[in-house]
Protein backbone atom coordinates (compact mmCIF):
# COMPACT_ATOMS: atom_id res chain seq x y z
CA UNK A 1 37.31 -61.88 45.65
CA UNK A 2 33.91 -62.57 44.14
CA UNK A 3 33.47 -65.54 41.87
CA UNK A 4 30.14 -65.29 39.95
CA UNK A 5 30.28 -66.71 36.41
CA UNK A 6 28.10 -64.62 34.02
CA UNK A 7 26.99 -62.25 36.84
CA UNK A 8 27.18 -58.39 36.80
CA UNK A 9 27.98 -56.93 40.20
CA UNK A 10 28.26 -53.21 40.52
CA UNK A 11 29.99 -51.56 43.47
CA UNK A 12 28.82 -47.97 43.70
CA UNK A 13 30.08 -45.05 45.72
CA UNK A 14 26.68 -44.94 47.54
CA UNK A 15 27.65 -47.79 49.86
CA UNK A 16 25.65 -50.35 47.79
CA UNK A 17 26.39 -53.53 45.91
CA UNK A 18 23.71 -54.33 43.33
CA UNK A 19 23.00 -57.56 41.40
CA UNK A 20 21.64 -57.52 37.85
CA UNK A 21 19.78 -60.11 35.89
CA UNK A 22 20.78 -60.98 32.29
CA UNK A 23 18.90 -57.92 30.94
CA UNK A 24 20.82 -55.51 33.10
CA UNK A 25 17.85 -54.88 35.51
CA UNK A 26 18.79 -54.63 39.24
CA UNK A 27 17.15 -57.41 41.08
CA UNK A 28 18.90 -57.55 44.50
CA UNK A 29 21.52 -55.84 46.60
CA UNK A 30 23.31 -55.06 49.83
CA UNK A 31 23.54 -51.61 51.38
CA UNK A 32 25.58 -49.95 54.11
CA UNK A 33 23.11 -46.98 54.30
CA UNK A 34 19.62 -46.65 55.49
CA UNK A 35 17.98 -49.41 57.55
CA UNK A 36 17.65 -52.09 54.87
CA UNK A 37 20.92 -54.08 54.54
CA UNK A 38 19.96 -56.85 52.09
CA UNK A 39 17.11 -56.90 49.63
CA UNK A 40 15.78 -59.02 46.66
CA UNK A 41 12.98 -58.75 44.17
CA UNK A 42 13.31 -54.98 43.37
CA UNK A 43 15.49 -52.43 41.88
CA UNK A 44 15.85 -50.51 45.18
CA UNK A 45 15.74 -51.54 48.87
CA UNK A 46 12.31 -49.74 49.31
CA UNK A 47 10.75 -51.54 46.33
CA UNK A 48 12.08 -55.08 47.03
CA UNK A 49 9.87 -57.96 47.87
CA UNK A 50 12.17 -59.31 50.53
CA UNK A 51 14.05 -56.99 52.94
CA UNK A 52 16.44 -57.70 55.76
CA UNK A 53 16.98 -54.78 58.10
CA UNK A 54 20.09 -53.73 60.10
CA UNK A 55 17.99 -54.55 63.26
CA UNK A 56 17.75 -58.19 62.18
CA UNK A 57 14.06 -57.91 61.16
CA UNK A 58 12.93 -59.64 57.98
CA UNK A 59 10.06 -58.44 55.76
CA UNK A 60 8.40 -59.99 52.85
CA UNK A 61 5.11 -60.19 51.09
CA UNK A 62 2.55 -61.08 53.79
CA UNK A 63 5.10 -61.64 56.60
CA UNK A 64 7.21 -59.68 58.97
CA UNK A 65 9.57 -61.36 61.38
CA UNK A 66 11.16 -59.31 64.19
CA UNK A 67 14.59 -60.16 65.69
CA UNK A 68 12.86 -60.67 69.03
CA UNK A 69 10.72 -63.55 67.62
CA UNK A 70 7.44 -61.57 67.17
CA UNK A 71 5.79 -60.62 63.95
CA UNK A 72 3.09 -61.92 61.64
CA UNK A 73 2.92 -64.61 59.06
CA UNK A 74 0.03 -65.03 56.51
CA UNK A 75 -2.08 -62.54 58.47
CA UNK A 76 -1.50 -64.24 61.80
CA UNK A 77 0.47 -62.73 64.71
CA UNK A 78 3.36 -64.73 66.12
CA UNK A 79 5.25 -64.15 69.36
């Protein structure tokens, strides 16, 4: 059961759940296919500003955090 007043959630047969804004534009979603499982800020997983991968890695504009604790943030490597 999903409770989301005024939200439009679309369950597709492509193993995705997408979330639309009030104009009907897709802005986020979840996917059971490919490598990106959750995304926000784009109409597709590939075009999203924030991506969470099946591996546990998280990617955004100017950062990439790997599940092992390494990555980069604001142009600086972290480990």
